[in-house]
Protein backbone atom coordinates (compact mmCIF):
# COMPACT_ATOMS: atom_id res chain seq x y z
CA MET A 1 0.32 0.06 0.15
CA ASN A 2 1.08 3.42 -1.13
CA VAL A 3 1.03 7.41 -1.21
CA THR A 4 3.67 8.15 -3.67
CA GLU A 5 5.73 11.21 -2.31
CA LEU A 6 4.29 14.17 -1.02
CA ASN A 7 6.77 17.47 0.13
CA LEU A 8 7.15 17.14 3.64
CA SER A 9 6.33 20.31 4.44
CA ASP A 10 2.79 19.93 3.01
CA ARG A 11 2.18 16.20 4.05
CA CYS A 12 0.50 17.12 7.76
CA GLU A 13 -1.78 20.25 6.20
CA HIS A 14 -2.54 17.70 2.94
CA PHE A 15 -3.61 14.58 4.80
CA SER A 16 -5.20 16.87 7.85
CA CYS A 17 -8.11 15.26 9.07
CA PRO A 18 -11.80 16.50 8.23
CA GLU A 19 -14.86 17.37 10.43
CA ARG A 20 -17.51 14.69 10.35
CA SER A 21 -20.32 16.42 9.54
CA VAL A 22 -22.87 13.96 9.48
CA SER A 23 -26.04 13.43 12.08
CA PRO A 24 -25.95 10.98 14.85
CA ALA A 25 -28.23 8.34 13.16
CA VAL A 26 -26.31 8.08 9.56
CA TYR A 27 -23.65 8.28 11.70
CA ILE A 28 -24.66 4.92 13.41
CA LEU A 29 -26.54 3.01 9.82
CA LEU A 30 -23.11 4.00 8.42
CA TYR A 31 -21.58 1.94 11.79
CA MET A 32 -24.57 -0.98 11.30
CA CYS A 33 -23.74 -0.85 7.04
CA SER A 34 -19.84 -1.33 7.78
CA ALA A 35 -20.38 -4.29 11.01
CA ALA A 36 -23.00 -5.85 8.26
CA VAL A 37 -19.90 -6.22 5.56
CA VAL A 38 -17.25 -7.27 8.50
CA LEU A 39 -20.12 -9.98 8.85
CA LEU A 40 -20.63 -10.50 5.70
CA THR A 41 -16.79 -10.76 4.58
CA VAL A 42 -15.77 -13.21 7.46
CA CYS A 43 -18.92 -15.41 7.83
CA GLY A 44 -19.01 -15.89 3.47
CA ASN A 45 -15.41 -16.95 3.78
CA LEU A 46 -15.89 -18.79 6.26
CA LEU A 47 -18.44 -21.25 5.05
CA VAL A 48 -16.28 -21.63 1.92
CA ILE A 49 -13.10 -22.67 4.58
CA ILE A 50 -15.32 -25.49 6.28
CA SER A 51 -16.72 -26.44 2.87
CA VAL A 52 -13.35 -27.14 1.44
CA LEU A 53 -12.13 -28.94 4.43
CA HIS A 54 -15.00 -31.15 5.47
CA PHE A 55 -15.97 -32.80 2.71
CA LYS A 56 -13.67 -34.81 0.96
CA GLN A 57 -15.17 -34.62 -2.62
CA LEU A 58 -14.32 -31.06 -2.46
CA HIS A 59 -10.40 -32.31 -1.94
CA THR A 60 -9.34 -31.15 -5.35
CA PRO A 61 -6.30 -29.32 -6.32
CA THR A 62 -8.52 -26.26 -7.75
CA ASN A 63 -10.27 -26.39 -4.76
CA ILE A 64 -7.57 -26.64 -2.43
CA LEU A 65 -6.80 -22.63 -4.50
CA VAL A 66 -10.13 -21.67 -3.21
CA LEU A 67 -9.64 -22.13 0.02
CA SER A 68 -6.72 -20.49 -0.25
CA LEU A 69 -8.59 -17.24 -1.32
CA ALA A 70 -11.15 -17.62 0.82
CA VAL A 71 -8.76 -18.06 3.60
CA SER A 72 -6.84 -14.77 2.39
CA ASP A 73 -10.58 -12.87 2.33
CA PHE A 74 -11.29 -14.37 5.99
CA LEU A 75 -8.40 -12.54 7.61
CA VAL A 76 -9.33 -9.38 5.22
CA GLY A 77 -12.38 -9.26 6.95
CA ALA A 78 -11.21 -10.14 10.03
CA LEU A 79 -8.31 -8.03 10.63
CA VAL A 80 -8.25 -5.11 7.56
CA MET A 81 -11.30 -4.37 6.42
CA PRO A 82 -12.89 -2.65 10.59
CA SER A 83 -10.16 -0.59 10.05
CA VAL A 84 -10.63 0.60 6.76
CA LEU A 85 -14.37 0.98 7.28
CA ILE A 86 -13.64 2.65 10.83
CA TRP A 87 -11.14 5.09 9.04
CA LEU A 88 -13.58 5.84 5.87
CA ILE A 89 -16.24 6.47 8.98
CA GLU A 90 -13.98 8.99 10.58
CA SER A 91 -12.24 10.48 8.32
CA CYS A 92 -9.21 10.45 10.29
CA TRP A 93 -6.98 7.68 12.13
CA ILE A 94 -8.16 7.20 15.28
CA PHE A 95 -5.72 4.72 16.34
CA GLU A 96 -1.81 4.61 17.35
CA LYS A 97 1.25 4.53 14.77
CA VAL A 98 2.42 0.85 15.47
CA PHE A 99 -1.09 -0.13 15.00
CA CYS A 100 -1.22 1.62 11.84
CA ILE A 101 1.97 0.14 10.66
CA GLY A 102 0.66 -3.46 11.25
CA PHE A 103 -2.17 -2.22 9.27
CA PHE A 104 -0.29 -1.75 6.17
CA LEU A 105 1.76 -4.54 6.78
CA ILE A 106 -0.70 -7.40 7.19
CA GLY A 107 -3.24 -5.65 4.76
CA SER A 108 -0.49 -5.34 2.34
CA PHE A 109 0.39 -9.52 2.75
CA LEU A 110 -3.11 -10.23 2.27
CA THR A 111 -3.97 -8.79 -0.58
CA ILE A 112 -0.67 -10.14 -2.48
CA VAL A 113 -1.36 -13.41 -1.45
CA SER A 114 -4.61 -12.78 -2.38
CA ILE A 115 -3.60 -12.07 -6.29
CA TYR A 116 -0.81 -14.50 -6.37
CA ASN A 117 -3.83 -16.71 -5.23
CA VAL A 118 -5.63 -15.94 -8.25
CA ALA A 119 -2.89 -16.03 -10.50
CA LEU A 120 -2.59 -19.59 -9.83
CA ILE A 121 -6.03 -20.58 -10.34
CA ALA A 122 -5.34 -19.18 -13.38
CA VAL A 123 -2.63 -21.31 -14.06
CA ASP A 124 -4.67 -24.47 -12.95
CA ARG A 125 -7.57 -23.86 -15.07
CA TYR A 126 -5.00 -22.77 -18.55
CA LEU A 127 -3.50 -26.47 -17.10
CA ALA A 128 -6.18 -28.62 -17.13
CA LEU A 129 -7.68 -27.16 -20.19
CA SER A 130 -4.62 -27.17 -22.11
CA ASN A 131 -3.43 -30.38 -21.00
CA PRO A 132 -5.57 -32.38 -18.73
CA PHE A 133 -3.79 -35.86 -18.81
CA PHE A 134 -0.37 -34.34 -18.20
CA TYR A 135 -2.65 -32.48 -15.42
CA THR A 136 -4.09 -35.50 -13.98
CA ASN A 137 -1.08 -37.07 -13.81
CA THR A 138 0.73 -34.38 -12.14
CA ILE A 139 -1.09 -32.00 -10.24
CA SER A 140 -2.24 -33.57 -7.02
CA VAL A 141 -3.66 -32.06 -3.79
CA ARG A 142 -0.09 -32.17 -2.25
CA THR A 143 1.45 -30.44 -4.85
CA VAL A 144 -1.24 -28.03 -4.73
CA TRP A 145 -0.81 -27.77 -1.10
CA ALA A 146 3.56 -27.33 -1.66
CA VAL A 147 2.79 -24.44 -3.77
CA VAL A 148 0.41 -22.20 -1.20
CA PHE A 149 2.86 -22.70 1.14
CA SER A 150 5.07 -21.52 -1.45
CA ASN A 151 3.37 -17.89 -2.05
CA CYS A 152 2.36 -17.38 1.17
CA CYS A 153 6.11 -17.41 2.26
CA ALA A 154 7.38 -15.26 -0.58
CA CYS A 155 4.53 -12.98 -0.16
CA LEU A 156 5.76 -12.66 3.78
CA VAL A 157 9.01 -12.55 2.88
CA TYR A 158 7.99 -9.34 -0.31
CA THR A 159 6.26 -7.72 2.42
CA VAL A 160 8.51 -7.87 4.93
CA ALA A 161 11.88 -6.58 3.25
CA PHE A 162 9.56 -4.23 0.89
CA TYR A 163 8.57 -1.86 3.63
CA PHE A 164 11.81 -2.82 5.12
CA PHE A 165 13.20 -0.46 3.05
CA SER A 166 10.68 1.58 2.24
CA VAL A 167 10.68 3.03 6.12
CA ALA A 168 14.35 2.92 5.53
CA SER A 169 14.08 5.40 2.33
CA SER A 170 11.75 7.56 4.05
CA THR A 171 11.96 10.44 5.72
CA SER A 172 8.82 11.29 6.66
CA VAL A 173 6.78 11.82 9.81
CA MET A 174 3.50 10.34 11.08
CA CYS A 175 1.03 13.85 11.43
CA PRO A 176 -1.98 13.49 14.23
CA GLY A 177 -4.69 11.41 12.33
CA GLU A 178 -2.88 10.57 9.40
CA CYS A 179 -1.91 6.67 8.16
CA TYR A 180 0.17 6.91 4.98
CA VAL A 181 3.12 5.33 3.67
CA PHE A 182 5.13 7.45 1.79
CA LEU A 183 7.03 6.04 -0.68
CA THR A 184 10.30 6.99 -3.13
CA ARG A 185 8.87 7.10 -7.10
CA PHE A 186 11.44 3.38 -7.43
CA MET A 187 9.67 1.95 -4.81
CA ALA A 188 6.44 2.43 -5.87
CA LEU A 189 7.35 1.61 -9.61
CA ILE A 190 8.68 -1.37 -7.91
CA ASP A 191 6.02 -2.54 -6.00
CA LEU A 192 3.25 -1.82 -8.58
CA ILE A 193 5.55 -3.89 -11.35
CA ILE A 194 5.30 -6.85 -8.63
CA THR A 195 1.88 -6.75 -7.44
CA PHE A 196 0.19 -5.74 -10.10
CA ILE A 197 1.46 -6.05 -13.95
CA VAL A 198 3.24 -9.38 -13.45
CA PRO A 199 0.46 -10.95 -11.63
CA CYS A 200 -2.59 -9.44 -13.61
CA SER A 201 -0.69 -9.67 -16.98
CA CYS A 202 -0.27 -13.40 -16.27
CA ILE A 203 -4.26 -13.47 -15.66
CA ILE A 204 -5.25 -11.71 -18.03
CA ILE A 205 -3.27 -14.40 -20.96
CA LEU A 206 -4.03 -17.30 -19.24
CA TYR A 207 -7.57 -17.00 -18.97
CA SER A 208 -7.74 -15.28 -22.21
CA GLY A 209 -5.67 -19.12 -23.47
CA VAL A 210 -8.43 -20.57 -21.48
CA PHE A 211 -11.64 -19.16 -23.22
CA LEU A 212 -9.37 -19.79 -26.63
CA ILE A 213 -9.51 -23.77 -25.78
CA ALA A 214 -13.22 -23.42 -24.42
CA LYS A 215 -14.53 -22.59 -27.67
CA LYS A 216 -12.52 -25.27 -29.63
CA HIS A 217 -14.40 -27.61 -26.62
CA ALA A 218 -17.70 -26.43 -27.05
CA THR A 219 -16.81 -27.18 -31.17
CA ALA A 220 -15.32 -30.95 -30.05
CA ILE A 221 -18.83 -31.44 -27.80
CA ARG A 222 -20.67 -30.76 -31.52
CA GLU A 223 -18.64 -33.29 -33.02
CA LEU A 224 -19.08 -35.84 -30.65
CA ASN A 225 -23.04 -35.43 -30.94
CA ASN A 226 -22.47 -36.46 -34.51
CA HIS A 227 -19.79 -38.85 -34.76
CA THR A 228 -19.85 -40.70 -31.40
CA ARG A 229 -21.64 -43.20 -29.85
CA PRO A 230 -24.72 -42.33 -27.11
CA GLN A 231 -22.35 -43.39 -23.94
CA THR A 232 -19.25 -42.12 -25.22
CA GLN A 233 -20.65 -38.93 -25.95
CA LYS A 234 -22.41 -38.75 -22.84
CA ILE A 235 -19.64 -38.84 -20.61
CA THR A 236 -16.93 -37.24 -22.99
CA SER A 237 -19.59 -34.26 -23.46
CA HIS A 238 -20.80 -34.06 -19.61
CA SER A 239 -16.34 -34.10 -18.94
CA MET A 240 -15.96 -30.82 -21.08
CA LYS A 241 -18.94 -29.11 -20.33
CA SER A 242 -17.79 -29.43 -16.52
CA GLU A 243 -14.39 -27.93 -17.48
CA ARG A 244 -15.52 -25.11 -19.33
CA LYS A 245 -18.15 -24.24 -16.74
CA ALA A 246 -15.64 -24.33 -13.94
CA ALA A 247 -13.50 -22.00 -16.11
CA LYS A 248 -16.45 -19.90 -16.41
CA VAL A 249 -17.21 -19.31 -12.70
CA LEU A 250 -13.57 -18.71 -11.73
CA GLY A 251 -13.25 -16.28 -15.31
CA ILE A 252 -16.34 -14.30 -13.49
CA LEU A 253 -14.51 -14.22 -9.88
CA VAL A 254 -11.28 -12.91 -11.71
CA SER A 255 -12.78 -10.65 -13.56
CA VAL A 256 -14.47 -9.40 -10.24
CA PHE A 257 -11.19 -9.14 -8.56
CA LEU A 258 -9.70 -7.55 -11.21
CA ALA A 259 -12.54 -4.57 -11.10
CA CYS A 260 -11.69 -4.28 -7.72
CA LEU A 261 -8.49 -4.38 -8.03
CA LEU A 262 -8.17 -1.67 -10.66
CA PRO A 263 -8.67 1.75 -9.21
CA TYR A 264 -6.58 1.26 -6.49
CA PHE A 265 -3.35 0.50 -8.51
CA VAL A 266 -4.41 3.16 -11.01
CA TYR A 267 -4.80 5.83 -8.12
CA SER A 268 -1.54 4.91 -7.22
CA LEU A 269 0.04 4.65 -10.79
CA LEU A 270 -1.48 8.78 -11.57
CA GLY A 271 -0.51 9.63 -7.68
CA ASP A 272 1.98 12.32 -9.45
CA VAL A 273 -0.59 13.61 -12.09
CA ILE A 274 -3.24 13.88 -9.93
CA GLU A 275 -3.81 15.87 -7.00
CA GLN A 276 -3.89 13.26 -4.32
CA GLN A 277 -6.71 13.50 -2.07
CA THR A 278 -7.49 11.91 2.11
CA GLU A 279 -10.68 10.78 1.44
CA GLU A 280 -10.70 9.04 -2.18
CA PHE A 281 -7.75 7.22 -1.47
CA LYS A 282 -9.51 6.02 1.51
CA LYS A 283 -12.55 4.73 -0.44
CA VAL A 284 -9.84 2.92 -3.56
CA LEU A 285 -8.55 1.10 -0.54
CA PHE A 286 -12.21 -0.07 0.74
CA VAL A 287 -13.46 -0.76 -3.12
CA LEU A 288 -9.71 -2.70 -3.38
CA TYR A 289 -10.46 -4.84 0.23
CA LEU A 290 -14.30 -5.21 -0.96
CA ASN A 291 -13.51 -7.62 -3.17
CA SER A 292 -13.14 -10.25 -0.33
CA SER A 293 -17.12 -9.57 0.66
CA ILE A 294 -17.75 -10.37 -2.97
CA ASN A 295 -16.05 -13.94 -3.47
CA PRO A 296 -18.51 -16.24 -1.16
CA VAL A 297 -21.41 -14.03 -3.09
CA ILE A 298 -19.86 -15.23 -6.37
CA TYR A 299 -19.16 -18.92 -5.08
CA ALA A 300 -23.03 -18.83 -4.05
CA LEU A 301 -24.65 -17.82 -7.02
CA PHE A 302 -22.45 -19.97 -9.17
CA TYR A 303 -21.68 -23.03 -7.06
CA PRO A 304 -24.04 -25.53 -6.37
CA TRP A 305 -22.08 -27.11 -4.22
CA PHE A 306 -21.73 -23.93 -2.16
CA ARG A 307 -24.96 -24.27 -1.36
CA ARG A 308 -25.56 -27.32 -0.61
CA CYS A 309 -22.29 -27.52 1.99
CA VAL A 310 -24.01 -23.87 3.32
CA LYS A 311 -26.85 -25.38 4.21
CA LEU A 312 -25.38 -29.05 5.45
CA ILE A 313 -23.44 -26.67 7.56
CA ILE A 314 -26.34 -24.22 8.56
CA THR A 315 -28.28 -27.14 9.88
CA LEU A 316 -25.36 -28.59 11.69
CA GLN A 317 -25.33 -32.09 9.90
CA ILE A 318 -21.70 -31.66 9.69
CA PHE A 319 -22.05 -33.12 12.71
CA GLN A 320 -23.31 -36.89 11.93
CA THR A 321 -21.43 -39.68 11.12
CA ASP A 322 -19.18 -39.94 8.37
CA SER A 323 -20.96 -36.12 7.01
CA ALA A 324 -17.12 -35.52 5.48
CA LEU A 325 -18.55 -38.66 2.63
CA ILE A 326 -21.74 -36.92 1.49
CA ASN A 327 -22.65 -35.98 -1.99
CA VAL A 328 -22.26 -32.41 -2.76
CA LEU A 329 -21.46 -32.62 -6.28
CA SER A 330 -24.78 -34.24 -7.56
């Protein structure tokens, strides 16, 4: 997270806290809506986590990546989003300086993990559709767990190293009511390349390939309808359609993710062109984290298995004997 360089003498004045001018009723309503957003984020992603971990039928490489994304979204809702919403409502940072540093460290780490999780999902879908035999024989649940762990470690090392060198190279001061990390142009550019340009380019390129392959599969299914036996046709067509549907749903998830991510990085990139304002920065930051609330809604809308799992969890049927073996995909 960053705000590009400003003149040191102007920082405190530029980021001074505006007075809150809303009625008590609106103030209470804002906090109630914020609590609802946090609750949706935490509970929605917790349902995804429980579903994938509990039901053995969902222990697939793709779902392990979905699980990893849900964990990072859950932590965003639990650790980061409340502070962002309070900051947005109060129009001022009301916590301590140490808490501000921790807020940016945790927020940055979880954002980078989420971005690269989505990139890994794109890689997973591309391999599954472009080379299904290689995918089936090579990509196992254990392999994906190792990749997820390595991704988290690499993101943690990058985040800590980035902020260590950023603080070391910065002469900024913390003004009352301010919570910003001021970066040099060089550090801001490095962050933009590593956390946005590289992973998002991979996501766009891979998903372009995925949809081209899905189009070829659609053509193949039509040919099967004319040239194969009914039983073979049924099995192969179902398999292809299943893969195409999974790619389509994850494509929607990726599109929403990029839509939430783009405003923040555009704002950061244009920091030297437009005059950065405190309120605008907080809004684009909130949109960035709002993606963590939207993902469970996407699962609920497009994944029948997720709706079945939620029903089993809410009705406490997961505590029954052998509930992990329940067929949730049929």
